[in-house]
């Protein structure tokens, strides 16, 4: 019988990504979901074979420098009725894990999540616009999760229902400012302004001229082992 849920992640399997890949694989095991990895490049495939400690299916792809260029190729390998896509520097908050385990996503065909960009430490997130709540359409019925083939392309099926739980983004913690500047440059080379227009999402310390404001994650959102759900924002 096909799984109810597929978890999809596209990655070059760089060293920073390995813990997130294993965490997503562990989540798939807990949820009795399948884990589908789009291995972007030959080295990524080799790293996945060596470093992933859980069951997964690898799909070999070669992107054009942005995940949308291979997204639908990897999506086709998913067998689940629903598909959750995670970036290789993202994790689910504890509340999101519980929400998934309770299969609350079955209430609607398409979901968007407020994404919290963690800052400096893993228990604080940026609250400046546009980085919060930064809604990301990441979970839905398989037939509603495709159609993204341009850089920064949104869902052609609409944003979906807003989920009451957070997606956590670790980019600013695991990548240096030099690496993040390079992302802006790479995107600008792919499409004029594709990096610069979204500079706050890569180099907020340069793009947010008024300074960066952050808020603490609640205990329930942050700690995977705490069975209590926390509020998304603490004022």
C-alpha atoms as a PDB file:
ATOM      1  CA  UNK A   1       0.000   0.000   0.000  1.00  0.00           C
ATOM      2  CA  UNK A   2       1.410   3.457  -0.881  1.00  0.00           C
ATOM      3  CA  UNK A   3       2.344   5.685   2.072  1.00  0.00           C
ATOM      4  CA  UNK A   4      -0.040   8.430   3.165  1.00  0.00           C
ATOM      5  CA  UNK A   5       2.803  10.955   3.192  1.00  0.00           C
ATOM      6  CA  UNK A   6       6.039  11.497   1.281  1.00  0.00           C
ATOM      7  CA  UNK A   7       8.774  13.806   2.574  1.00  0.00           C
ATOM      8  CA  UNK A   8      10.805  15.337  -0.253  1.00  0.00           C
ATOM      9  CA  UNK A   9      14.168  17.090   0.033  1.00  0.00           C
ATOM     10  CA  UNK A  10      16.462  18.287  -2.768  1.00  0.00           C
ATOM     11  CA  UNK A  11      20.114  18.642  -1.808  1.00  0.00           C
ATOM     12  CA  UNK A  12      23.730  18.760  -2.893  1.00  0.00           C
ATOM     13  CA  UNK A  13      24.417  16.929   0.388  1.00  0.00           C
ATOM     14  CA  UNK A  14      26.967  19.477   1.568  1.00  0.00           C
ATOM     15  CA  UNK A  15      28.288  18.847   5.093  1.00  0.00           C
ATOM     16  CA  UNK A  16      25.858  21.302   6.741  1.00  0.00           C
ATOM     17  CA  UNK A  17      22.920  19.437   5.182  1.00  0.00           C
ATOM     18  CA  UNK A  18      23.678  15.952   6.500  1.00  0.00           C
ATOM     19  CA  UNK A  19      22.086  16.462   9.966  1.00  0.00           C
ATOM     20  CA  UNK A  20      18.938  17.872   8.334  1.00  0.00           C
ATOM     21  CA  UNK A  21      18.743  14.959   5.916  1.00  0.00           C
ATOM     22  CA  UNK A  22      19.047  12.466   8.761  1.00  0.00           C
ATOM     23  CA  UNK A  23      16.513  14.368  10.838  1.00  0.00           C
ATOM     24  CA  UNK A  24      14.017  14.343   7.942  1.00  0.00           C
ATOM     25  CA  UNK A  25      14.651  10.629   7.433  1.00  0.00           C
ATOM     26  CA  UNK A  26      14.041  10.013  11.124  1.00  0.00           C
ATOM     27  CA  UNK A  27      10.819  12.022  10.893  1.00  0.00           C
ATOM     28  CA  UNK A  28       9.689   9.913   7.940  1.00  0.00           C
ATOM     29  CA  UNK A  29      10.337   6.774   9.971  1.00  0.00           C
ATOM     30  CA  UNK A  30       8.306   8.137  12.881  1.00  0.00           C
ATOM     31  CA  UNK A  31       5.406   9.126  10.613  1.00  0.00           C
ATOM     32  CA  UNK A  32       5.561   5.904   8.564  1.00  0.00           C
ATOM     33  CA  UNK A  33       6.149   8.134   5.557  1.00  0.00           C
ATOM     34  CA  UNK A  34       8.574   7.646   2.688  1.00  0.00           C
ATOM     35  CA  UNK A  35      11.633   9.873   2.342  1.00  0.00           C
ATOM     36  CA  UNK A  36      12.573  10.933  -1.188  1.00  0.00           C
ATOM     37  CA  UNK A  37      15.883  12.745  -1.713  1.00  0.00           C
ATOM     38  CA  UNK A  38      16.689  14.593  -4.914  1.00  0.00           C
ATOM     39  CA  UNK A  39      20.460  14.099  -5.061  1.00  0.00           C
ATOM     40  CA  UNK A  40      21.706  17.130  -6.990  1.00  0.00           C
ATOM     41  CA  UNK A  41      24.912  15.930  -8.645  1.00  0.00           C
ATOM     42  CA  UNK A  42      27.053  12.812  -8.510  1.00  0.00           C
ATOM     43  CA  UNK A  43      28.837  13.813  -5.303  1.00  0.00           C
ATOM     44  CA  UNK A  44      25.487  14.333  -3.587  1.00  0.00           C
ATOM     45  CA  UNK A  45      24.497  10.781  -4.470  1.00  0.00           C
ATOM     46  CA  UNK A  46      27.742   9.415  -3.023  1.00  0.00           C
ATOM     47  CA  UNK A  47      27.345  11.447   0.179  1.00  0.00           C
ATOM     48  CA  UNK A  48      23.781  10.233   0.674  1.00  0.00           C
ATOM     49  CA  UNK A  49      24.846   6.602   0.324  1.00  0.00           C
ATOM     50  CA  UNK A  50      27.570   7.155   2.933  1.00  0.00           C
ATOM     51  CA  UNK A  51      25.899   9.482   5.414  1.00  0.00           C
ATOM     52  CA  UNK A  52      22.142   8.823   5.610  1.00  0.00           C
ATOM     53  CA  UNK A  53      21.393   6.334   8.348  1.00  0.00           C
ATOM     54  CA  UNK A  54      17.718   5.672   7.579  1.00  0.00           C
ATOM     55  CA  UNK A  55      15.668   4.269   4.720  1.00  0.00           C
ATOM     56  CA  UNK A  56      15.331   6.660   1.812  1.00  0.00           C
ATOM     57  CA  UNK A  57      14.969   6.721  -1.954  1.00  0.00           C
ATOM     58  CA  UNK A  58      17.505   8.773  -3.904  1.00  0.00           C
ATOM     59  CA  UNK A  59      16.637  10.358  -7.236  1.00  0.00           C
ATOM     60  CA  UNK A  60      19.662  11.536  -9.238  1.00  0.00           C
ATOM     61  CA  UNK A  61      19.171  15.025 -10.697  1.00  0.00           C
ATOM     62  CA  UNK A  62      21.365  17.845 -11.988  1.00  0.00           C
ATOM     63  CA  UNK A  63      19.831  21.238 -11.263  1.00  0.00           C
ATOM     64  CA  UNK A  64      20.429  24.536 -13.039  1.00  0.00           C
ATOM     65  CA  UNK A  65      21.459  26.132  -9.744  1.00  0.00           C
ATOM     66  CA  UNK A  66      17.988  26.374  -8.220  1.00  0.00           C
ATOM     67  CA  UNK A  67      15.734  23.639  -6.884  1.00  0.00           C
ATOM     68  CA  UNK A  68      12.704  24.522  -8.987  1.00  0.00           C
ATOM     69  CA  UNK A  69      14.618  23.330 -12.052  1.00  0.00           C
ATOM     70  CA  UNK A  70      14.424  19.727 -10.814  1.00  0.00           C
ATOM     71  CA  UNK A  71      11.550  19.906  -8.308  1.00  0.00           C
ATOM     72  CA  UNK A  72       8.958  18.161 -10.467  1.00  0.00           C
ATOM     73  CA  UNK A  73      11.428  15.431 -11.496  1.00  0.00           C
ATOM     74  CA  UNK A  74      11.824  14.465  -7.836  1.00  0.00           C
ATOM     75  CA  UNK A  75       8.120  14.944  -7.095  1.00  0.00           C
ATOM     76  CA  UNK A  76       7.246  12.287  -9.675  1.00  0.00           C
ATOM     77  CA  UNK A  77       9.100   9.696  -7.576  1.00  0.00           C
ATOM     78  CA  UNK A  78       6.844  10.327  -4.553  1.00  0.00           C
ATOM     79  CA  UNK A  79       4.161   7.691  -3.947  1.00  0.00           C
ATOM     80  CA  UNK A  80       2.313   9.370  -1.082  1.00  0.00           C
ATOM     81  CA  UNK A  81      -1.114  10.955  -1.352  1.00  0.00           C
ATOM     82  CA  UNK A  82       0.397  14.036   0.338  1.00  0.00           C
ATOM     83  CA  UNK A  83       3.894  15.467  -0.122  1.00  0.00           C
ATOM     84  CA  UNK A  84       5.848  17.602   2.350  1.00  0.00           C
ATOM     85  CA  UNK A  85       8.861  19.405   0.874  1.00  0.00           C
ATOM     86  CA  UNK A  86      11.685  20.577   3.117  1.00  0.00           C
ATOM     87  CA  UNK A  87      14.847  22.466   2.184  1.00  0.00           C
ATOM     88  CA  UNK A  88      18.113  20.898   3.273  1.00  0.00           C
ATOM     89  CA  UNK A  89      18.608  23.596   5.919  1.00  0.00           C
ATOM     90  CA  UNK A  90      15.123  23.340   7.412  1.00  0.00           C
ATOM     91  CA  UNK A  91      13.480  21.331  10.158  1.00  0.00           C
ATOM     92  CA  UNK A  92       9.991  20.929  11.567  1.00  0.00           C
ATOM     93  CA  UNK A  93       9.231  22.531  14.905  1.00  0.00           C
ATOM     94  CA  UNK A  94       8.084  20.180  17.632  1.00  0.00           C
ATOM     95  CA  UNK A  95       4.531  21.443  17.246  1.00  0.00           C
ATOM     96  CA  UNK A  96       4.712  20.734  13.513  1.00  0.00           C
ATOM     97  CA  UNK A  97       5.936  17.181  14.159  1.00  0.00           C
ATOM     98  CA  UNK A  98       2.955  16.568  16.466  1.00  0.00           C
ATOM     99  CA  UNK A  99       0.593  18.129  13.929  1.00  0.00           C
ATOM    100  CA  UNK A 100       1.935  15.827  11.222  1.00  0.00           C
ATOM    101  CA  UNK A 101       1.793  12.774  13.510  1.00  0.00           C
ATOM    102  CA  UNK A 102      -1.864  13.527  14.260  1.00  0.00           C
ATOM    103  CA  UNK A 103      -2.509  13.723  10.488  1.00  0.00           C
ATOM    104  CA  UNK A 104      -4.189  17.084  10.869  1.00  0.00           C
ATOM    105  CA  UNK A 105      -3.025  17.954   7.357  1.00  0.00           C
ATOM    106  CA  UNK A 106      -5.760  15.664   5.996  1.00  0.00           C
ATOM    107  CA  UNK A 107      -8.279  18.432   6.762  1.00  0.00           C
ATOM    108  CA  UNK A 108      -7.232  20.426   3.649  1.00  0.00           C
ATOM    109  CA  UNK A 109      -5.598  19.612   0.307  1.00  0.00           C
ATOM    110  CA  UNK A 110      -2.901  22.331   0.441  1.00  0.00           C
ATOM    111  CA  UNK A 111      -1.025  24.032   3.299  1.00  0.00           C
ATOM    112  CA  UNK A 112       1.284  26.976   3.855  1.00  0.00           C
ATOM    113  CA  UNK A 113       3.510  27.323   6.928  1.00  0.00           C
ATOM    114  CA  UNK A 114       4.904  30.376   8.694  1.00  0.00           C
ATOM    115  CA  UNK A 115       8.670  29.917   8.373  1.00  0.00           C
ATOM    116  CA  UNK A 116      10.829  31.115  11.258  1.00  0.00           C
ATOM    117  CA  UNK A 117      14.359  32.131  10.249  1.00  0.00           C
ATOM    118  CA  UNK A 118      16.561  31.278  13.228  1.00  0.00           C
ATOM    119  CA  UNK A 119      19.101  33.931  14.153  1.00  0.00           C
ATOM    120  CA  UNK A 120      22.414  33.620  16.028  1.00  0.00           C
ATOM    121  CA  UNK A 121      21.159  30.728  18.187  1.00  0.00           C
ATOM    122  CA  UNK A 122      18.673  27.924  17.557  1.00  0.00           C
ATOM    123  CA  UNK A 123      16.090  29.356  19.962  1.00  0.00           C
ATOM    124  CA  UNK A 124      15.503  32.816  18.451  1.00  0.00           C
ATOM    125  CA  UNK A 125      14.013  33.853  15.122  1.00  0.00           C
ATOM    126  CA  UNK A 126      13.864  37.076  13.103  1.00  0.00           C
ATOM    127  CA  UNK A 127      10.568  38.967  13.333  1.00  0.00           C
ATOM    128  CA  UNK A 128      11.293  41.674  10.726  1.00  0.00           C
ATOM    129  CA  UNK A 129       9.241  41.694   7.555  1.00  0.00           C
ATOM    130  CA  UNK A 130       9.567  40.019   5.086  1.00  0.00           C
ATOM    131  CA  UNK A 131      11.260  37.250   7.095  1.00  0.00           C
ATOM    132  CA  UNK A 132       8.313  36.703   9.396  1.00  0.00           C
ATOM    133  CA  UNK A 133       5.967  35.019   8.901  1.00  0.00           C
ATOM    134  CA  UNK A 134       7.336  34.232   5.384  1.00  0.00           C
ATOM    135  CA  UNK A 135       4.560  31.808   4.417  1.00  0.00           C
ATOM    136  CA  UNK A 136       5.777  28.783   2.470  1.00  0.00           C
ATOM    137  CA  UNK A 137       3.415  26.428   0.609  1.00  0.00           C
ATOM    138  CA  UNK A 138       5.097  23.129   1.383  1.00  0.00           C
ATOM    139  CA  UNK A 139       2.510  20.407   1.996  1.00  0.00           C
ATOM    140  CA  UNK A 140      -0.352  19.216  -0.083  1.00  0.00           C
ATOM    141  CA  UNK A 141      -1.847  16.503  -2.171  1.00  0.00           C
ATOM    142  CA  UNK A 142       0.724  15.334  -4.701  1.00  0.00           C
ATOM    143  CA  UNK A 143      -1.221  16.671  -7.664  1.00  0.00           C
ATOM    144  CA  UNK A 144      -1.143  20.161  -6.096  1.00  0.00           C
ATOM    145  CA  UNK A 145       2.577  20.213  -5.288  1.00  0.00           C
ATOM    146  CA  UNK A 146       3.971  20.448  -8.824  1.00  0.00           C
ATOM    147  CA  UNK A 147       4.201  23.142 -11.455  1.00  0.00           C
ATOM    148  CA  UNK A 148       7.127  25.068  -9.972  1.00  0.00           C
ATOM    149  CA  UNK A 149       9.852  25.282 -12.607  1.00  0.00           C
ATOM    150  CA  UNK A 150      11.019  28.914 -12.434  1.00  0.00           C
ATOM    151  CA  UNK A 151      13.317  30.348  -9.778  1.00  0.00           C
ATOM    152  CA  UNK A 152      11.341  31.568  -6.732  1.00  0.00           C
ATOM    153  CA  UNK A 153       8.154  30.290  -8.379  1.00  0.00           C
ATOM    154  CA  UNK A 154       5.165  30.156  -6.049  1.00  0.00           C
ATOM    155  CA  UNK A 155       2.510  27.484  -6.054  1.00  0.00           C
ATOM    156  CA  UNK A 156       0.321  27.667  -9.172  1.00  0.00           C
ATOM    157  CA  UNK A 157      -2.510  26.266  -7.045  1.00  0.00           C
ATOM    158  CA  UNK A 158      -2.545  29.109  -4.517  1.00  0.00           C
ATOM    159  CA  UNK A 159      -0.978  29.413  -1.089  1.00  0.00           C
ATOM    160  CA  UNK A 160      -3.226  26.950   0.688  1.00  0.00           C
ATOM    161  CA  UNK A 161      -4.580  26.886   4.227  1.00  0.00           C
ATOM    162  CA  UNK A 162      -2.336  28.434   6.887  1.00  0.00           C
ATOM    163  CA  UNK A 163      -1.017  25.772   9.246  1.00  0.00           C
ATOM    164  CA  UNK A 164      -0.967  26.601  12.984  1.00  0.00           C
ATOM    165  CA  UNK A 165       2.641  25.377  13.344  1.00  0.00           C
ATOM    166  CA  UNK A 166       6.114  26.631  12.411  1.00  0.00           C
ATOM    167  CA  UNK A 167       8.674  25.532   9.865  1.00  0.00           C
ATOM    168  CA  UNK A 168      12.204  26.317  11.108  1.00  0.00           C
ATOM    169  CA  UNK A 169      14.902  27.685   8.790  1.00  0.00           C
ATOM    170  CA  UNK A 170      18.535  27.335   9.920  1.00  0.00           C
ATOM    171  CA  UNK A 171      20.220  29.025   6.943  1.00  0.00           C
ATOM    172  CA  UNK A 172      21.693  31.936   8.884  1.00  0.00           C
ATOM    173  CA  UNK A 173      23.174  29.593  11.467  1.00  0.00           C
ATOM    174  CA  UNK A 174      24.780  27.037   9.146  1.00  0.00           C
ATOM    175  CA  UNK A 175      26.036  29.234   6.279  1.00  0.00           C
ATOM    176  CA  UNK A 176      28.609  32.016   6.557  1.00  0.00           C
ATOM    177  CA  UNK A 177      27.864  35.498   5.295  1.00  0.00           C
ATOM    178  CA  UNK A 178      30.274  34.865   2.401  1.00  0.00           C
ATOM    179  CA  UNK A 179      28.341  31.737   1.407  1.00  0.00           C
ATOM    180  CA  UNK A 180      25.076  33.643   1.614  1.00  0.00           C
ATOM    181  CA  UNK A 181      26.403  36.529  -0.498  1.00  0.00           C
ATOM    182  CA  UNK A 182      27.390  33.938  -3.095  1.00  0.00           C
ATOM    183  CA  UNK A 183      23.782  32.712  -3.189  1.00  0.00           C
ATOM    184  CA  UNK A 184      22.588  36.227  -4.048  1.00  0.00           C
ATOM    185  CA  UNK A 185      25.177  36.466  -6.828  1.00  0.00           C
ATOM    186  CA  UNK A 186      24.308  33.024  -8.207  1.00  0.00           C
ATOM    187  CA  UNK A 187      20.603  33.810  -8.347  1.00  0.00           C
ATOM    188  CA  UNK A 188      21.281  37.165 -10.040  1.00  0.00           C
ATOM    189  CA  UNK A 189      23.264  35.284 -12.699  1.00  0.00           C
ATOM    190  CA  UNK A 190      20.360  32.907 -13.273  1.00  0.00           C
ATOM    191  CA  UNK A 191      17.767  35.681 -13.658  1.00  0.00           C
ATOM    192  CA  UNK A 192      18.309  39.421 -13.369  1.00  0.00           C
ATOM    193  CA  UNK A 193      17.432  40.568  -9.854  1.00  0.00           C
ATOM    194  CA  UNK A 194      16.495  37.083  -8.630  1.00  0.00           C
ATOM    195  CA  UNK A 195      19.093  37.358  -5.883  1.00  0.00           C
ATOM    196  CA  UNK A 196      19.098  41.073  -5.154  1.00  0.00           C
ATOM    197  CA  UNK A 197      15.306  41.336  -4.907  1.00  0.00           C
ATOM    198  CA  UNK A 198      15.354  38.616  -2.235  1.00  0.00           C
ATOM    199  CA  UNK A 199      18.539  39.753  -0.497  1.00  0.00           C
ATOM    200  CA  UNK A 200      16.872  39.864   2.926  1.00  0.00           C
ATOM    201  CA  UNK A 201      16.398  36.090   2.699  1.00  0.00           C
ATOM    202  CA  UNK A 202      20.142  35.514   2.294  1.00  0.00           C
ATOM    203  CA  UNK A 203      21.932  38.473   3.867  1.00  0.00           C
ATOM    204  CA  UNK A 204      19.488  40.125   6.293  1.00  0.00           C
ATOM    205  CA  UNK A 205      22.299  41.856   8.178  1.00  0.00           C
ATOM    206  CA  UNK A 206      22.920  43.913   5.018  1.00  0.00           C
ATOM    207  CA  UNK A 207      19.383  44.145   3.616  1.00  0.00           C
ATOM    208  CA  UNK A 208      17.478  45.101   6.786  1.00  0.00           C
ATOM    209  CA  UNK A 209      18.835  48.594   7.237  1.00  0.00           C
ATOM    210  CA  UNK A 210      16.818  49.263  10.391  1.00  0.00           C
ATOM    211  CA  UNK A 211      18.483  46.388  12.207  1.00  0.00           C
ATOM    212  CA  UNK A 212      17.410  42.841  12.964  1.00  0.00           C
ATOM    213  CA  UNK A 213      14.778  42.160  15.622  1.00  0.00           C
ATOM    214  CA  UNK A 214      14.334  38.666  17.020  1.00  0.00           C
ATOM    215  CA  UNK A 215      12.018  36.822  19.389  1.00  0.00           C
ATOM    216  CA  UNK A 216      12.468  33.613  21.383  1.00  0.00           C
ATOM    217  CA  UNK A 217      10.905  30.363  20.273  1.00  0.00           C
ATOM    218  CA  UNK A 218       8.637  28.876  22.885  1.00  0.00           C
ATOM    219  CA  UNK A 219       9.797  25.664  24.544  1.00  0.00           C
ATOM    220  CA  UNK A 220       7.214  23.528  22.786  1.00  0.00           C
ATOM    221  CA  UNK A 221       8.177  24.843  19.346  1.00  0.00           C
ATOM    222  CA  UNK A 222      11.889  24.418  19.913  1.00  0.00           C
ATOM    223  CA  UNK A 223      12.361  21.149  21.799  1.00  0.00           C
ATOM    224  CA  UNK A 224      11.571  17.934  19.956  1.00  0.00           C
ATOM    225  CA  UNK A 225      11.206  16.019  23.226  1.00  0.00           C
ATOM    226  CA  UNK A 226       8.681  18.323  24.884  1.00  0.00           C
ATOM    227  CA  UNK A 227       5.152  17.047  24.289  1.00  0.00           C
ATOM    228  CA  UNK A 228       3.517  20.427  24.892  1.00  0.00           C
ATOM    229  CA  UNK A 229       2.789  22.705  21.943  1.00  0.00           C
ATOM    230  CA  UNK A 230       4.120  26.222  22.324  1.00  0.00           C
ATOM    231  CA  UNK A 231       2.856  29.458  20.835  1.00  0.00           C
ATOM    232  CA  UNK A 232       4.550  30.579  17.646  1.00  0.00           C
ATOM    233  CA  UNK A 233       5.386  34.081  18.858  1.00  0.00           C
ATOM    234  CA  UNK A 234       6.266  35.471  22.228  1.00  0.00           C
ATOM    235  CA  UNK A 235       5.696  39.232  22.457  1.00  0.00           C
END
